[in-house]
Amino acid sequence: MSERSEQAPNPAPPPPTMGPTRASTLLVAALAAAAVGWLLISGLYYGEHGVSVPWLPTVTIAALAILEAYLAYNTSSRIERRSGQEPVEPLAVARFAVLAKASSVAGAIYAGFSGAMLVWLLIETTRAAAEDRPSAAGGLIASVALIAAALWLERACRVPERPDDDVRGPGRKP
């Protein structure tokens, strides 16, 4: 017999898990988007004759940040079972956690893009650049608010540890 047939089969890979969003993930996403944003705006911004920076993405991201902050507050109070709150559905919490993870990365991408755009517009001396600075700054502020709300929602989706779990120990009944 060969050595291969005598060896034990490879163990199955561990099941996929979803952990908290890492700051490094958000930082890399923001830096990559900043680099792309800098290249795009420096090559495509034509000042007086170009298209101005729109407000619609900023308003959309700000609305999403408000929605996620509300969901975080509501979910947190329902998981902690504060007085007058109904229990939260586990599937809804899983969906909120996925939304939070996606939103934090999307917020980081838009923050990097808006930050690069804002820096470039601050360096540019044209009147059109000066008029576009508020919308770029608003985009940066809204995306940072989205990141904060998404991380809060992600944290709110965690199941709190109960103090009686430690006392009973594994395998003991209440």
N, C-alpha and C. Protein backbone atom coordinates (compact mmCIF):
# COMPACT_ATOMS: atom_id res chain seq x y z
N MET A 1 0.83 -1.19 0.00
CA MET A 1 0.00 0.00 0.00
C MET A 1 0.87 1.25 0.00
N SER A 2 0.38 2.27 -0.60
CA SER A 2 1.13 3.51 -0.64
C SER A 2 0.88 4.32 0.62
N GLU A 3 1.73 5.32 0.81
CA GLU A 3 1.58 6.17 1.99
C GLU A 3 0.28 6.96 1.95
N ARG A 4 -0.15 7.27 0.77
CA ARG A 4 -1.38 8.07 0.64
C ARG A 4 -2.59 7.34 1.19
N SER A 5 -2.73 6.08 0.89
CA SER A 5 -3.91 5.35 1.32
C SER A 5 -3.91 5.10 2.82
N GLU A 6 -2.74 5.14 3.46
CA GLU A 6 -2.66 4.90 4.89
C GLU A 6 -2.96 6.15 5.70
N GLN A 7 -2.84 7.32 5.11
CA GLN A 7 -3.07 8.56 5.83
C GLN A 7 -4.56 8.78 6.02
N ALA A 8 -4.86 9.45 7.11
CA ALA A 8 -6.26 9.79 7.39
C ALA A 8 -6.71 10.85 6.39
N PRO A 9 -7.99 10.81 6.03
CA PRO A 9 -8.48 11.84 5.10
C PRO A 9 -8.40 13.23 5.74
N ASN A 10 -8.28 14.21 4.89
CA ASN A 10 -8.21 15.59 5.38
C ASN A 10 -9.49 15.94 6.13
N PRO A 11 -9.36 16.61 7.26
CA PRO A 11 -10.58 17.00 7.97
C PRO A 11 -11.35 18.04 7.16
N ALA A 12 -12.64 18.06 7.38
CA ALA A 12 -13.49 19.01 6.67
C ALA A 12 -13.15 20.43 7.11
N PRO A 13 -13.22 21.36 6.19
CA PRO A 13 -12.93 22.75 6.58
C PRO A 13 -14.00 23.24 7.55
N PRO A 14 -13.62 24.18 8.41
CA PRO A 14 -14.61 24.69 9.37
C PRO A 14 -15.73 25.42 8.63
N PRO A 15 -16.91 25.42 9.21
CA PRO A 15 -18.02 26.13 8.56
C PRO A 15 -17.74 27.62 8.51
N PRO A 16 -18.25 28.30 7.51
CA PRO A 16 -18.01 29.74 7.41
C PRO A 16 -18.68 30.49 8.56
N THR A 17 -18.01 31.47 9.05
CA THR A 17 -18.56 32.31 10.11
C THR A 17 -18.44 33.77 9.71
N MET A 18 -19.23 34.58 10.35
CA MET A 18 -19.18 36.00 10.08
C MET A 18 -18.75 36.70 11.36
N GLY A 19 -17.61 37.34 11.33
CA GLY A 19 -17.10 38.05 12.49
C GLY A 19 -17.33 39.53 12.35
N PRO A 20 -16.97 40.27 13.37
CA PRO A 20 -17.14 41.72 13.32
C PRO A 20 -16.28 42.35 12.21
N THR A 21 -16.73 43.45 11.69
CA THR A 21 -15.98 44.17 10.67
C THR A 21 -14.68 44.70 11.26
N ARG A 22 -13.61 44.47 10.55
CA ARG A 22 -12.30 44.93 11.03
C ARG A 22 -12.03 46.34 10.51
N ALA A 23 -11.36 47.12 11.34
CA ALA A 23 -10.98 48.47 10.95
C ALA A 23 -10.05 48.44 9.75
N SER A 24 -9.22 47.42 9.66
CA SER A 24 -8.28 47.33 8.54
C SER A 24 -9.03 47.15 7.21
N THR A 25 -10.13 46.43 7.24
CA THR A 25 -10.94 46.25 6.02
C THR A 25 -11.48 47.60 5.56
N LEU A 26 -11.99 48.36 6.50
CA LEU A 26 -12.55 49.68 6.15
C LEU A 26 -11.45 50.63 5.68
N LEU A 27 -10.30 50.57 6.31
CA LEU A 27 -9.19 51.45 5.93
C LEU A 27 -8.69 51.13 4.52
N VAL A 28 -8.53 49.85 4.21
CA VAL A 28 -8.08 49.47 2.87
C VAL A 28 -9.09 49.88 1.81
N ALA A 29 -10.38 49.68 2.10
CA ALA A 29 -11.42 50.08 1.15
C ALA A 29 -11.40 51.59 0.93
N ALA A 30 -11.25 52.35 2.00
CA ALA A 30 -11.22 53.81 1.88
C ALA A 30 -9.99 54.28 1.10
N LEU A 31 -8.85 53.70 1.38
CA LEU A 31 -7.62 54.12 0.68
C LEU A 31 -7.66 53.76 -0.80
N ALA A 32 -8.18 52.58 -1.12
CA ALA A 32 -8.30 52.19 -2.54
C ALA A 32 -9.27 53.12 -3.26
N ALA A 33 -10.39 53.43 -2.63
CA ALA A 33 -11.36 54.34 -3.26
C ALA A 33 -10.79 55.75 -3.37
N ALA A 34 -9.99 56.16 -2.40
CA ALA A 34 -9.36 57.49 -2.48
C ALA A 34 -8.41 57.57 -3.66
N ALA A 35 -7.65 56.51 -3.88
CA ALA A 35 -6.73 56.51 -5.02
C ALA A 35 -7.49 56.57 -6.34
N VAL A 36 -8.54 55.78 -6.45
CA VAL A 36 -9.35 55.80 -7.67
C VAL A 36 -10.04 57.16 -7.83
N GLY A 37 -10.57 57.68 -6.73
CA GLY A 37 -11.23 58.98 -6.78
C GLY A 37 -10.29 60.10 -7.21
N TRP A 38 -9.07 60.07 -6.69
CA TRP A 38 -8.08 61.09 -7.05
C TRP A 38 -7.77 61.01 -8.55
N LEU A 39 -7.58 59.80 -9.05
CA LEU A 39 -7.29 59.65 -10.48
C LEU A 39 -8.45 60.11 -11.34
N LEU A 40 -9.67 59.75 -10.94
CA LEU A 40 -10.83 60.15 -11.73
C LEU A 40 -11.04 61.66 -11.73
N ILE A 41 -11.00 62.27 -10.56
CA ILE A 41 -11.31 63.70 -10.53
C ILE A 41 -10.18 64.52 -11.16
N SER A 42 -8.95 64.09 -11.01
CA SER A 42 -7.86 64.86 -11.62
C SER A 42 -7.87 64.73 -13.15
N GLY A 43 -8.40 63.65 -13.64
CA GLY A 43 -8.44 63.46 -15.09
C GLY A 43 -9.73 63.91 -15.75
N LEU A 44 -10.83 63.94 -14.99
CA LEU A 44 -12.13 64.21 -15.61
C LEU A 44 -12.78 65.53 -15.17
N TYR A 45 -12.21 66.22 -14.20
CA TYR A 45 -12.84 67.45 -13.73
C TYR A 45 -12.40 68.61 -14.61
N TYR A 46 -13.38 69.27 -15.21
CA TYR A 46 -13.07 70.35 -16.15
C TYR A 46 -13.44 71.71 -15.63
N GLY A 47 -13.71 71.84 -14.38
CA GLY A 47 -13.97 73.16 -13.81
C GLY A 47 -15.25 73.77 -14.31
N GLU A 48 -15.15 74.91 -14.94
CA GLU A 48 -16.30 75.72 -15.33
C GLU A 48 -17.25 74.98 -16.28
N HIS A 49 -16.73 74.15 -17.14
CA HIS A 49 -17.57 73.50 -18.15
C HIS A 49 -17.94 72.06 -17.77
N GLY A 50 -17.41 71.56 -16.71
CA GLY A 50 -17.67 70.18 -16.31
C GLY A 50 -18.96 70.05 -15.51
N VAL A 51 -19.28 68.84 -15.20
CA VAL A 51 -20.46 68.54 -14.40
C VAL A 51 -20.10 68.75 -12.94
N SER A 52 -20.97 69.41 -12.21
CA SER A 52 -20.69 69.65 -10.79
C SER A 52 -20.91 68.38 -9.98
N VAL A 53 -20.38 68.37 -8.77
CA VAL A 53 -20.51 67.21 -7.87
C VAL A 53 -21.95 67.18 -7.37
N PRO A 54 -22.68 66.09 -7.59
CA PRO A 54 -24.10 66.05 -7.22
C PRO A 54 -24.32 65.85 -5.73
N TRP A 55 -25.48 66.28 -5.27
CA TRP A 55 -25.87 66.12 -3.87
C TRP A 55 -26.63 64.82 -3.63
N LEU A 56 -27.18 64.21 -4.67
CA LEU A 56 -28.02 63.02 -4.49
C LEU A 56 -27.32 61.87 -3.76
N PRO A 57 -26.07 61.52 -4.09
CA PRO A 57 -25.43 60.44 -3.32
C PRO A 57 -25.27 60.78 -1.85
N THR A 58 -24.99 62.04 -1.56
CA THR A 58 -24.84 62.47 -0.17
C THR A 58 -26.15 62.33 0.59
N VAL A 59 -27.23 62.75 -0.02
CA VAL A 59 -28.55 62.65 0.62
C VAL A 59 -28.93 61.19 0.81
N THR A 60 -28.66 60.36 -0.17
CA THR A 60 -28.98 58.94 -0.08
C THR A 60 -28.19 58.26 1.04
N ILE A 61 -26.91 58.55 1.12
CA ILE A 61 -26.06 57.94 2.15
C ILE A 61 -26.45 58.46 3.53
N ALA A 62 -26.80 59.74 3.63
CA ALA A 62 -27.24 60.28 4.92
C ALA A 62 -28.55 59.62 5.36
N ALA A 63 -29.47 59.41 4.42
CA ALA A 63 -30.73 58.74 4.76
C ALA A 63 -30.49 57.31 5.21
N LEU A 64 -29.57 56.62 4.56
CA LEU A 64 -29.24 55.26 4.96
C LEU A 64 -28.59 55.24 6.35
N ALA A 65 -27.77 56.24 6.64
CA ALA A 65 -27.15 56.33 7.97
C ALA A 65 -28.22 56.53 9.05
N ILE A 66 -29.20 57.37 8.78
CA ILE A 66 -30.28 57.60 9.74
C ILE A 66 -31.10 56.33 9.93
N LEU A 67 -31.41 55.63 8.84
CA LEU A 67 -32.16 54.39 8.93
C LEU A 67 -31.41 53.35 9.75
N GLU A 68 -30.12 53.20 9.50
CA GLU A 68 -29.35 52.20 10.23
C GLU A 68 -29.17 52.58 11.69
N ALA A 69 -29.07 53.87 11.99
CA ALA A 69 -28.99 54.28 13.39
C ALA A 69 -30.30 53.95 14.11
N TYR A 70 -31.43 54.17 13.45
CA TYR A 70 -32.72 53.80 14.03
C TYR A 70 -32.81 52.28 14.24
N LEU A 71 -32.40 51.52 13.23
CA LEU A 71 -32.41 50.06 13.36
C LEU A 71 -31.51 49.59 14.49
N ALA A 72 -30.36 50.24 14.65
CA ALA A 72 -29.44 49.86 15.73
C ALA A 72 -30.07 50.11 17.09
N TYR A 73 -30.68 51.27 17.25
CA TYR A 73 -31.32 51.59 18.54
C TYR A 73 -32.47 50.63 18.82
N ASN A 74 -33.31 50.41 17.83
CA ASN A 74 -34.47 49.54 17.99
C ASN A 74 -34.05 48.09 18.24
N THR A 75 -33.09 47.60 17.46
CA THR A 75 -32.64 46.22 17.62
C THR A 75 -31.98 46.01 18.97
N SER A 76 -31.17 46.96 19.38
CA SER A 76 -30.50 46.85 20.67
C SER A 76 -31.51 46.77 21.82
N SER A 77 -32.52 47.63 21.78
CA SER A 77 -33.51 47.61 22.86
C SER A 77 -34.35 46.34 22.82
N ARG A 78 -34.59 45.80 21.65
CA ARG A 78 -35.39 44.57 21.55
C ARG A 78 -34.58 43.34 21.95
N ILE A 79 -33.29 43.31 21.63
CA ILE A 79 -32.45 42.18 22.04
C ILE A 79 -32.26 42.19 23.55
N GLU A 80 -32.09 43.38 24.12
CA GLU A 80 -31.91 43.49 25.56
C GLU A 80 -33.23 43.38 26.31
N ARG A 81 -34.32 43.31 25.57
CA ARG A 81 -35.68 43.17 26.11
C ARG A 81 -36.01 44.25 27.14
N ARG A 82 -35.77 45.48 26.72
CA ARG A 82 -36.15 46.61 27.56
C ARG A 82 -37.67 46.63 27.69
N SER A 83 -38.17 47.29 28.70
CA SER A 83 -39.60 47.26 28.98
C SER A 83 -40.41 47.76 27.79
N GLY A 84 -41.46 47.01 27.49
CA GLY A 84 -42.36 47.38 26.40
C GLY A 84 -41.90 46.97 25.02
N GLN A 85 -40.79 46.30 24.91
CA GLN A 85 -40.27 45.91 23.60
C GLN A 85 -40.55 44.43 23.33
N GLU A 86 -41.01 44.15 22.15
CA GLU A 86 -41.23 42.77 21.74
C GLU A 86 -39.89 42.14 21.38
N PRO A 87 -39.76 40.82 21.52
CA PRO A 87 -38.51 40.17 21.11
C PRO A 87 -38.30 40.33 19.60
N VAL A 88 -37.06 40.36 19.21
CA VAL A 88 -36.73 40.53 17.80
C VAL A 88 -36.61 39.16 17.13
N GLU A 89 -37.00 39.11 15.89
CA GLU A 89 -36.94 37.86 15.11
C GLU A 89 -35.47 37.57 14.77
N PRO A 90 -34.99 36.35 15.03
CA PRO A 90 -33.57 36.03 14.76
C PRO A 90 -33.17 36.23 13.29
N LEU A 91 -34.05 35.90 12.35
CA LEU A 91 -33.71 36.08 10.95
C LEU A 91 -33.56 37.56 10.60
N ALA A 92 -34.36 38.41 11.23
CA ALA A 92 -34.24 39.86 11.00
C ALA A 92 -32.89 40.36 11.50
N VAL A 93 -32.45 39.85 12.64
CA VAL A 93 -31.15 40.25 13.18
C VAL A 93 -30.02 39.83 12.23
N ALA A 94 -30.13 38.64 11.67
CA ALA A 94 -29.11 38.19 10.71
C ALA A 94 -29.09 39.10 9.48
N ARG A 95 -30.26 39.48 9.03
CA ARG A 95 -30.32 40.38 7.87
C ARG A 95 -29.75 41.75 8.20
N PHE A 96 -30.04 42.24 9.39
CA PHE A 96 -29.50 43.53 9.81
C PHE A 96 -27.97 43.47 9.90
N ALA A 97 -27.44 42.35 10.38
CA ALA A 97 -25.99 42.21 10.49
C ALA A 97 -25.34 42.24 9.11
N VAL A 98 -25.95 41.58 8.14
CA VAL A 98 -25.42 41.59 6.78
C VAL A 98 -25.51 43.00 6.19
N LEU A 99 -26.63 43.67 6.42
CA LEU A 99 -26.78 45.05 5.96
C LEU A 99 -25.70 45.95 6.58
N ALA A 100 -25.44 45.75 7.86
CA ALA A 100 -24.45 46.58 8.55
C ALA A 100 -23.06 46.36 7.98
N LYS A 101 -22.70 45.10 7.74
CA LYS A 101 -21.37 44.83 7.18
C LYS A 101 -21.22 45.43 5.78
N ALA A 102 -22.23 45.27 4.96
CA ALA A 102 -22.16 45.83 3.60
C ALA A 102 -22.13 47.35 3.63
N SER A 103 -22.92 47.94 4.50
CA SER A 103 -22.98 49.40 4.58
C SER A 103 -21.69 50.01 5.11
N SER A 104 -21.05 49.34 6.04
CA SER A 104 -19.80 49.90 6.56
C SER A 104 -18.73 49.92 5.47
N VAL A 105 -18.67 48.89 4.67
CA VAL A 105 -17.70 48.87 3.57
C VAL A 105 -18.08 49.89 2.50
N ALA A 106 -19.36 49.96 2.16
CA ALA A 106 -19.80 50.96 1.17
C ALA A 106 -19.54 52.38 1.68
N GLY A 107 -19.77 52.61 2.96
CA GLY A 107 -19.48 53.92 3.54
C GLY A 107 -18.00 54.24 3.49
N ALA A 108 -17.15 53.24 3.75
CA ALA A 108 -15.71 53.47 3.68
C ALA A 108 -15.27 53.79 2.26
N ILE A 109 -15.86 53.10 1.29
CA ILE A 109 -15.52 53.37 -0.11
C ILE A 109 -15.92 54.79 -0.49
N TYR A 110 -17.13 55.19 -0.10
CA TYR A 110 -17.57 56.53 -0.45
C TYR A 110 -16.81 57.60 0.34
N ALA A 111 -16.42 57.26 1.56
CA ALA A 111 -15.62 58.21 2.36
C ALA A 111 -14.27 58.44 1.69
N GLY A 112 -13.64 57.37 1.23
CA GLY A 112 -12.36 57.53 0.55
C GLY A 112 -12.49 58.33 -0.73
N PHE A 113 -13.53 58.02 -1.50
CA PHE A 113 -13.76 58.74 -2.75
C PHE A 113 -14.06 60.22 -2.49
N SER A 114 -14.94 60.49 -1.54
CA SER A 114 -15.31 61.88 -1.23
C SER A 114 -14.14 62.63 -0.62
N GLY A 115 -13.37 61.95 0.22
CA GLY A 115 -12.20 62.60 0.82
C GLY A 115 -11.18 63.02 -0.22
N ALA A 116 -10.92 62.12 -1.16
CA ALA A 116 -9.98 62.47 -2.23
C ALA A 116 -10.52 63.60 -3.08
N MET A 117 -11.80 63.54 -3.36
CA MET A 117 -12.42 64.60 -4.16
C MET A 117 -12.34 65.94 -3.42
N LEU A 118 -12.61 65.91 -2.12
CA LEU A 118 -12.56 67.15 -1.34
C LEU A 118 -11.16 67.73 -1.30
N VAL A 119 -10.16 66.90 -1.09
CA VAL A 119 -8.77 67.39 -1.08
C VAL A 119 -8.41 67.98 -2.43
N TRP A 120 -8.79 67.31 -3.50
CA TRP A 120 -8.48 67.83 -4.82
C TRP A 120 -9.19 69.16 -5.07
N LEU A 121 -10.45 69.26 -4.64
CA LEU A 121 -11.19 70.50 -4.83
C LEU A 121 -10.65 71.64 -3.96
N LEU A 122 -10.07 71.30 -2.81
CA LEU A 122 -9.45 72.33 -1.97
C LEU A 122 -8.17 72.87 -2.59
N ILE A 123 -7.48 72.03 -3.32
CA ILE A 123 -6.25 72.46 -4.00
C ILE A 123 -6.58 73.27 -5.25
N GLU A 124 -7.63 72.89 -5.95
CA GLU A 124 -8.04 73.58 -7.18
C GLU A 124 -8.53 74.99 -6.83
N THR A 125 -8.18 75.97 -7.67
CA THR A 125 -8.50 77.37 -7.37
C THR A 125 -9.64 77.95 -8.19
N THR A 126 -10.33 77.15 -8.97
CA THR A 126 -11.40 77.68 -9.81
C THR A 126 -12.66 77.94 -8.99
N ARG A 127 -13.53 78.76 -9.55
CA ARG A 127 -14.81 79.06 -8.90
C ARG A 127 -15.69 77.83 -8.84
N ALA A 128 -15.65 77.01 -9.89
CA ALA A 128 -16.45 75.78 -9.93
C ALA A 128 -16.02 74.81 -8.83
N ALA A 129 -14.71 74.72 -8.60
CA ALA A 129 -14.22 73.85 -7.53
C ALA A 129 -14.69 74.34 -6.17
N ALA A 130 -14.68 75.64 -5.99
CA ALA A 130 -15.15 76.21 -4.72
C ALA A 130 -16.64 75.92 -4.52
N GLU A 131 -17.41 75.92 -5.60
CA GLU A 131 -18.84 75.63 -5.50
C GLU A 131 -19.11 74.14 -5.23
N ASP A 132 -18.20 73.28 -5.64
CA ASP A 132 -18.37 71.83 -5.44
C ASP A 132 -17.86 71.34 -4.09
N ARG A 133 -17.11 72.16 -3.38
CA ARG A 133 -16.56 71.73 -2.09
C ARG A 133 -17.63 71.34 -1.07
N PRO A 134 -18.72 72.10 -0.94
CA PRO A 134 -19.73 71.69 0.06
C PRO A 134 -20.34 70.31 -0.19
N SER A 135 -20.59 69.97 -1.45
CA SER A 135 -21.18 68.65 -1.71
C SER A 135 -20.16 67.54 -1.47
N ALA A 136 -18.90 67.79 -1.74
CA ALA A 136 -17.86 66.79 -1.46
C ALA A 136 -17.68 66.62 0.05
N ALA A 137 -17.70 67.73 0.78
CA ALA A 137 -17.59 67.66 2.25
C ALA A 137 -18.82 66.97 2.84
N GLY A 138 -19.99 67.27 2.30
CA GLY A 138 -21.20 66.61 2.76
C GLY A 138 -21.16 65.11 2.52
N GLY A 139 -20.61 64.71 1.39
CA GLY A 139 -20.46 63.28 1.10
C GLY A 139 -19.53 62.60 2.08
N LEU A 140 -18.46 63.28 2.44
CA LEU A 140 -17.52 62.72 3.41
C LEU A 140 -18.18 62.59 4.78
N ILE A 141 -18.90 63.61 5.20
CA ILE A 141 -19.58 63.58 6.50
C ILE A 141 -20.66 62.50 6.53
N ALA A 142 -21.45 62.42 5.47
CA ALA A 142 -22.52 61.42 5.41
C ALA A 142 -21.96 60.01 5.41
N SER A 143 -20.86 59.78 4.71
CA SER A 143 -20.28 58.44 4.66
C SER A 143 -19.66 58.05 6.00
N VAL A 144 -19.08 58.99 6.71
CA VAL A 144 -18.56 58.69 8.05
C VAL A 144 -19.73 58.38 8.99
N ALA A 145 -20.83 59.11 8.84
CA ALA A 145 -22.03 58.81 9.65
C ALA A 145 -22.57 57.43 9.32
N LEU A 146 -22.52 57.04 8.04
CA LEU A 146 -22.98 55.70 7.65
C LEU A 146 -22.09 54.63 8.26
N ILE A 147 -20.80 54.84 8.24
CA ILE A 147 -19.88 53.86 8.86
C ILE A 147 -20.20 53.72 10.34
N ALA A 148 -20.37 54.84 11.03
CA ALA A 148 -20.67 54.79 12.47
C ALA A 148 -21.99 54.08 12.74
N ALA A 149 -23.02 54.40 11.97
CA ALA A 149 -24.32 53.77 12.17
C ALA A 149 -24.26 52.28 11.84
N ALA A 150 -23.53 51.92 10.80
CA ALA A 150 -23.42 50.50 10.43
C ALA A 150 -22.68 49.71 11.50
N LEU A 151 -21.62 50.27 12.04
CA LEU A 151 -20.89 49.58 13.10
C LEU A 151 -21.74 49.47 14.36
N TRP A 152 -22.54 50.49 14.65
CA TRP A 152 -23.46 50.44 15.78
C TRP A 152 -24.51 49.35 15.57
N LEU A 153 -25.06 49.27 14.36
CA LEU A 153 -26.05 48.24 14.06
C LEU A 153 -25.42 46.85 14.16
N GLU A 154 -24.21 46.71 13.67
CA GLU A 154 -23.53 45.42 13.76
C GLU A 154 -23.34 45.02 15.23
N ARG A 155 -22.98 45.98 16.05
CA ARG A 155 -22.80 45.70 17.48
C ARG A 155 -24.14 45.40 18.15
N ALA A 156 -25.19 46.07 17.72
CA ALA A 156 -26.52 45.84 18.29
C ALA A 156 -27.04 44.44 17.97
N CYS A 157 -26.54 43.84 16.91
CA CYS A 157 -27.01 42.51 16.51
C CYS A 157 -26.36 41.39 17.30
N ARG A 158 -25.41 41.70 18.14
CA ARG A 158 -24.76 40.66 18.94
C ARG A 158 -25.70 40.20 20.06
N VAL A 159 -25.64 38.92 20.34
CA VAL A 159 -26.43 38.38 21.43
C VAL A 159 -25.69 38.68 22.73
N PRO A 160 -26.34 39.34 23.67
CA PRO A 160 -25.63 39.67 24.92
C PRO A 160 -25.39 38.42 25.77
N GLU A 161 -24.28 38.44 26.48
CA GLU A 161 -24.01 37.34 27.39
C GLU A 161 -24.85 37.54 28.64
N ARG A 162 -25.46 36.44 29.08
CA ARG A 162 -26.25 36.51 30.29
C ARG A 162 -25.39 36.06 31.46
N PRO A 163 -25.47 36.73 32.58
CA PRO A 163 -24.62 36.36 33.71
C PRO A 163 -24.92 34.95 34.25
N ASP A 164 -26.17 34.48 34.10
CA ASP A 164 -26.51 33.16 34.62
C ASP A 164 -25.93 32.04 33.78
N ASP A 165 -25.46 32.33 32.54
CA ASP A 165 -24.84 31.30 31.71
C ASP A 165 -23.54 30.81 32.34
N ASP A 166 -22.76 31.72 32.92
CA ASP A 166 -21.49 31.36 33.53
C ASP A 166 -21.69 30.57 34.82
N VAL A 167 -22.73 30.89 35.58
CA VAL A 167 -22.97 30.26 36.86
C VAL A 167 -23.40 28.81 36.68
N ARG A 168 -24.29 28.56 35.73
CA ARG A 168 -24.81 27.22 35.51
C ARG A 168 -23.76 26.29 34.93
N GLY A 169 -22.95 26.80 34.05
CA GLY A 169 -21.95 25.96 33.40
C GLY A 169 -22.56 25.15 32.28
N PRO A 170 -21.72 24.52 31.49
CA PRO A 170 -22.24 23.74 30.36
C PRO A 170 -22.95 22.46 30.85
N GLY A 171 -24.06 22.16 30.22
CA GLY A 171 -24.77 20.93 30.48
C GLY A 171 -25.69 20.96 31.69
N ARG A 172 -25.70 22.05 32.44
CA ARG A 172 -26.59 22.13 33.59
C ARG A 172 -27.91 22.76 33.20
N LYS A 173 -28.95 22.26 33.79
CA LYS A 173 -30.26 22.80 33.51
C LYS A 173 -30.59 23.91 34.49
N PRO A 174 -31.45 24.85 34.06
CA PRO A 174 -31.78 25.97 34.96
C PRO A 174 -32.54 25.53 36.17
